[in-house]
Protein backbone atom coordinates (compact mmCIF):
# COMPACT_ATOMS: atom_id res chain seq x y z
CA UNK A 1 0.00 0.00 0.00
CA UNK A 2 2.81 2.43 0.83
CA UNK A 3 4.63 1.70 -2.40
CA UNK A 4 1.49 2.48 -4.39
CA UNK A 5 1.12 5.81 -2.65
CA UNK A 6 4.72 6.72 -3.42
CA UNK A 7 4.32 5.58 -7.00
CA UNK A 8 1.10 7.56 -7.38
CA UNK A 9 2.75 10.62 -5.90
CA UNK A 10 5.70 10.31 -8.29
CA UNK A 11 3.48 10.26 -11.33
CA UNK A 12 1.40 13.22 -10.18
CA UNK A 13 4.51 15.24 -9.35
CA UNK A 14 5.89 14.45 -12.81
CA UNK A 15 2.85 15.92 -14.52
CA UNK A 16 2.58 18.90 -12.19
CA UNK A 17 6.22 19.80 -12.81
CA UNK A 18 5.69 20.25 -16.56
CA UNK A 19 6.91 23.71 -17.58
CA UNK A 20 4.30 26.40 -18.04
CA UNK A 21 3.70 28.02 -21.40
CA UNK A 22 5.65 31.13 -20.41
CA UNK A 23 8.58 28.99 -19.24
CA UNK A 24 8.50 27.10 -22.53
CA UNK A 25 8.40 30.40 -24.45
CA UNK A 26 11.41 31.65 -22.49
CA UNK A 27 13.28 28.41 -23.15
CA UNK A 28 12.52 28.51 -26.88
CA UNK A 29 13.53 32.17 -27.08
CA UNK A 30 16.79 31.48 -25.22
CA UNK A 31 17.60 28.54 -27.52
CA UNK A 32 16.90 30.64 -30.60
CA UNK A 33 19.07 33.49 -29.28
CA UNK A 34 21.89 31.04 -28.56
CA UNK A 35 21.65 29.52 -32.05
CA UNK A 36 21.51 33.01 -33.57
CA UNK A 37 24.72 33.95 -31.73
CA UNK A 38 26.43 30.74 -32.85
CA UNK A 39 25.43 31.32 -36.46
CA UNK A 40 26.58 34.94 -36.32
CA UNK A 41 30.00 33.83 -35.08
CA UNK A 42 30.29 31.12 -37.74
CA UNK A 43 29.23 33.62 -40.38
CA UNK A 44 31.90 36.09 -39.22
CA UNK A 45 34.57 33.37 -39.50
CA UNK A 46 33.46 32.53 -43.05
CA UNK A 47 33.35 36.21 -44.01
CA UNK A 48 36.93 36.62 -42.74
CA UNK A 49 38.01 33.72 -44.98
CA UNK A 50 36.29 35.34 -47.95
CA UNK A 51 37.86 38.71 -47.13
CA UNK A 52 41.34 37.14 -46.94
CA UNK A 53 40.72 35.53 -50.34
CA UNK A 54 39.44 38.77 -51.89
CA UNK A 55 42.39 40.76 -50.55
CA UNK A 56 44.85 38.18 -51.93
CA UNK A 57 46.21 37.14 -48.53
CA UNK A 58 44.96 33.55 -48.86
CA UNK A 59 44.03 32.11 -52.23
CA UNK A 60 41.09 29.69 -52.21
CA UNK A 61 40.44 27.21 -55.02
CA UNK A 62 37.36 27.79 -57.15
CA UNK A 63 35.59 24.74 -55.69
CA UNK A 64 36.29 25.81 -52.13
CA UNK A 65 35.30 29.40 -52.92
CA UNK A 66 31.98 28.21 -54.32
CA UNK A 67 31.40 26.07 -51.23
CA UNK A 68 32.33 28.99 -48.97
CA UNK A 69 29.87 31.29 -50.72
CA UNK A 70 27.08 28.70 -50.45
CA UNK A 71 27.77 28.22 -46.72
CA UNK A 72 27.76 31.99 -46.20
CA UNK A 73 24.37 32.25 -47.93
CA UNK A 74 22.98 29.32 -45.91
CA UNK A 75 24.26 30.71 -42.59
CA UNK A 76 22.87 34.17 -43.41
CA UNK A 77 19.46 32.65 -44.10
CA UNK A 78 19.53 30.57 -40.91
CA UNK A 79 20.75 33.55 -38.88
CA UNK A 80 17.90 35.73 -40.17
CA UNK A 81 15.41 32.97 -39.28
CA UNK A 82 16.72 32.43 -35.75
CA UNK A 83 17.19 36.13 -34.98
CA UNK A 84 13.68 37.21 -35.95
CA UNK A 85 10.89 37.38 -33.41
CA UNK A 86 8.31 34.61 -33.65
CA UNK A 87 4.61 35.33 -33.97
CA UNK A 88 2.32 34.04 -31.22
CA UNK A 89 1.08 31.32 -33.58
CA UNK A 90 4.62 30.19 -34.48
CA UNK A 91 5.56 30.08 -30.79
CA UNK A 92 2.49 28.01 -29.97
CA UNK A 93 3.28 25.61 -32.83
CA UNK A 94 6.79 25.09 -31.41
CA UNK A 95 5.41 24.50 -27.92
CA UNK A 96 2.88 22.00 -29.29
CA UNK A 97 5.52 20.16 -31.31
CA UNK A 98 7.66 19.80 -28.18
CA UNK A 99 4.69 18.38 -26.28
CA UNK A 100 4.28 15.71 -28.96
CA UNK A 101 7.83 14.47 -28.38
C-alpha atoms as a PDB file:
ATOM      1  CA  UNK A   1       0.000   0.000   0.000  1.00  0.00           C
ATOM      2  CA  UNK A   2       2.805   2.429   0.831  1.00  0.00           C
ATOM      3  CA  UNK A   3       4.634   1.701  -2.397  1.00  0.00           C
ATOM      4  CA  UNK A   4       1.491   2.478  -4.389  1.00  0.00           C
ATOM      5  CA  UNK A   5       1.116   5.809  -2.655  1.00  0.00           C
ATOM      6  CA  UNK A   6       4.715   6.718  -3.417  1.00  0.00           C
ATOM      7  CA  UNK A   7       4.316   5.578  -7.002  1.00  0.00           C
ATOM      8  CA  UNK A   8       1.096   7.558  -7.377  1.00  0.00           C
ATOM      9  CA  UNK A   9       2.753  10.617  -5.897  1.00  0.00           C
ATOM     10  CA  UNK A  10       5.699  10.306  -8.286  1.00  0.00           C
ATOM     11  CA  UNK A  11       3.476  10.261 -11.331  1.00  0.00           C
ATOM     12  CA  UNK A  12       1.403  13.216 -10.184  1.00  0.00           C
ATOM     13  CA  UNK A  13       4.511  15.244  -9.350  1.00  0.00           C
ATOM     14  CA  UNK A  14       5.890  14.447 -12.807  1.00  0.00           C
ATOM     15  CA  UNK A  15       2.852  15.922 -14.519  1.00  0.00           C
ATOM     16  CA  UNK A  16       2.578  18.904 -12.193  1.00  0.00           C
ATOM     17  CA  UNK A  17       6.221  19.799 -12.814  1.00  0.00           C
ATOM     18  CA  UNK A  18       5.694  20.249 -16.559  1.00  0.00           C
ATOM     19  CA  UNK A  19       6.911  23.705 -17.585  1.00  0.00           C
ATOM     20  CA  UNK A  20       4.301  26.400 -18.038  1.00  0.00           C
ATOM     21  CA  UNK A  21       3.701  28.017 -21.396  1.00  0.00           C
ATOM     22  CA  UNK A  22       5.650  31.130 -20.411  1.00  0.00           C
ATOM     23  CA  UNK A  23       8.577  28.985 -19.241  1.00  0.00           C
ATOM     24  CA  UNK A  24       8.502  27.105 -22.525  1.00  0.00           C
ATOM     25  CA  UNK A  25       8.404  30.400 -24.450  1.00  0.00           C
ATOM     26  CA  UNK A  26      11.411  31.654 -22.493  1.00  0.00           C
ATOM     27  CA  UNK A  27      13.279  28.409 -23.152  1.00  0.00           C
ATOM     28  CA  UNK A  28      12.521  28.509 -26.882  1.00  0.00           C
ATOM     29  CA  UNK A  29      13.530  32.172 -27.083  1.00  0.00           C
ATOM     30  CA  UNK A  30      16.791  31.483 -25.225  1.00  0.00           C
ATOM     31  CA  UNK A  31      17.597  28.541 -27.515  1.00  0.00           C
ATOM     32  CA  UNK A  32      16.899  30.643 -30.600  1.00  0.00           C
ATOM     33  CA  UNK A  33      19.074  33.488 -29.281  1.00  0.00           C
ATOM     34  CA  UNK A  34      21.893  31.042 -28.559  1.00  0.00           C
ATOM     35  CA  UNK A  35      21.647  29.522 -32.047  1.00  0.00           C
ATOM     36  CA  UNK A  36      21.514  33.006 -33.572  1.00  0.00           C
ATOM     37  CA  UNK A  37      24.717  33.954 -31.733  1.00  0.00           C
ATOM     38  CA  UNK A  38      26.433  30.736 -32.848  1.00  0.00           C
ATOM     39  CA  UNK A  39      25.431  31.322 -36.464  1.00  0.00           C
ATOM     40  CA  UNK A  40      26.579  34.944 -36.317  1.00  0.00           C
ATOM     41  CA  UNK A  41      29.997  33.828 -35.081  1.00  0.00           C
ATOM     42  CA  UNK A  42      30.288  31.117 -37.740  1.00  0.00           C
ATOM     43  CA  UNK A  43      29.232  33.620 -40.383  1.00  0.00           C
ATOM     44  CA  UNK A  44      31.903  36.089 -39.222  1.00  0.00           C
ATOM     45  CA  UNK A  45      34.574  33.373 -39.501  1.00  0.00           C
ATOM     46  CA  UNK A  46      33.465  32.533 -43.046  1.00  0.00           C
ATOM     47  CA  UNK A  47      33.347  36.207 -44.006  1.00  0.00           C
ATOM     48  CA  UNK A  48      36.926  36.621 -42.737  1.00  0.00           C
ATOM     49  CA  UNK A  49      38.015  33.722 -44.977  1.00  0.00           C
ATOM     50  CA  UNK A  50      36.291  35.340 -47.954  1.00  0.00           C
ATOM     51  CA  UNK A  51      37.858  38.714 -47.129  1.00  0.00           C
ATOM     52  CA  UNK A  52      41.339  37.143 -46.939  1.00  0.00           C
ATOM     53  CA  UNK A  53      40.724  35.532 -50.338  1.00  0.00           C
ATOM     54  CA  UNK A  54      39.436  38.766 -51.892  1.00  0.00           C
ATOM     55  CA  UNK A  55      42.391  40.761 -50.549  1.00  0.00           C
ATOM     56  CA  UNK A  56      44.852  38.185 -51.934  1.00  0.00           C
ATOM     57  CA  UNK A  57      46.206  37.142 -48.532  1.00  0.00           C
ATOM     58  CA  UNK A  58      44.958  33.554 -48.860  1.00  0.00           C
ATOM     59  CA  UNK A  59      44.029  32.107 -52.235  1.00  0.00           C
ATOM     60  CA  UNK A  60      41.087  29.690 -52.209  1.00  0.00           C
ATOM     61  CA  UNK A  61      40.443  27.208 -55.016  1.00  0.00           C
ATOM     62  CA  UNK A  62      37.357  27.788 -57.145  1.00  0.00           C
ATOM     63  CA  UNK A  63      35.585  24.741 -55.692  1.00  0.00           C
ATOM     64  CA  UNK A  64      36.286  25.808 -52.130  1.00  0.00           C
ATOM     65  CA  UNK A  65      35.299  29.402 -52.920  1.00  0.00           C
ATOM     66  CA  UNK A  66      31.975  28.210 -54.321  1.00  0.00           C
ATOM     67  CA  UNK A  67      31.397  26.073 -51.232  1.00  0.00           C
ATOM     68  CA  UNK A  68      32.331  28.986 -48.973  1.00  0.00           C
ATOM     69  CA  UNK A  69      29.869  31.291 -50.720  1.00  0.00           C
ATOM     70  CA  UNK A  70      27.082  28.704 -50.448  1.00  0.00           C
ATOM     71  CA  UNK A  71      27.768  28.224 -46.724  1.00  0.00           C
ATOM     72  CA  UNK A  72      27.756  31.992 -46.195  1.00  0.00           C
ATOM     73  CA  UNK A  73      24.372  32.252 -47.928  1.00  0.00           C
ATOM     74  CA  UNK A  74      22.977  29.320 -45.910  1.00  0.00           C
ATOM     75  CA  UNK A  75      24.262  30.714 -42.594  1.00  0.00           C
ATOM     76  CA  UNK A  76      22.870  34.170 -43.410  1.00  0.00           C
ATOM     77  CA  UNK A  77      19.460  32.649 -44.105  1.00  0.00           C
ATOM     78  CA  UNK A  78      19.527  30.574 -40.909  1.00  0.00           C
ATOM     79  CA  UNK A  79      20.752  33.553 -38.883  1.00  0.00           C
ATOM     80  CA  UNK A  80      17.897  35.730 -40.169  1.00  0.00           C
ATOM     81  CA  UNK A  81      15.411  32.974 -39.282  1.00  0.00           C
ATOM     82  CA  UNK A  82      16.724  32.428 -35.745  1.00  0.00           C
ATOM     83  CA  UNK A  83      17.192  36.128 -34.985  1.00  0.00           C
ATOM     84  CA  UNK A  84      13.681  37.206 -35.945  1.00  0.00           C
ATOM     85  CA  UNK A  85      10.888  37.381 -33.406  1.00  0.00           C
ATOM     86  CA  UNK A  86       8.311  34.608 -33.651  1.00  0.00           C
ATOM     87  CA  UNK A  87       4.614  35.329 -33.973  1.00  0.00           C
ATOM     88  CA  UNK A  88       2.323  34.038 -31.223  1.00  0.00           C
ATOM     89  CA  UNK A  89       1.080  31.320 -33.584  1.00  0.00           C
ATOM     90  CA  UNK A  90       4.620  30.188 -34.476  1.00  0.00           C
ATOM     91  CA  UNK A  91       5.564  30.081 -30.794  1.00  0.00           C
ATOM     92  CA  UNK A  92       2.491  28.007 -29.974  1.00  0.00           C
ATOM     93  CA  UNK A  93       3.284  25.609 -32.830  1.00  0.00           C
ATOM     94  CA  UNK A  94       6.788  25.095 -31.412  1.00  0.00           C
ATOM     95  CA  UNK A  95       5.406  24.498 -27.918  1.00  0.00           C
ATOM     96  CA  UNK A  96       2.877  22.000 -29.292  1.00  0.00           C
ATOM     97  CA  UNK A  97       5.516  20.158 -31.311  1.00  0.00           C
ATOM     98  CA  UNK A  98       7.656  19.799 -28.176  1.00  0.00           C
ATOM     99  CA  UNK A  99       4.692  18.382 -26.283  1.00  0.00           C
ATOM    100  CA  UNK A 100       4.283  15.706 -28.962  1.00  0.00           C
ATOM    101  CA  UNK A 101       7.829  14.470 -28.382  1.00  0.00           C
END
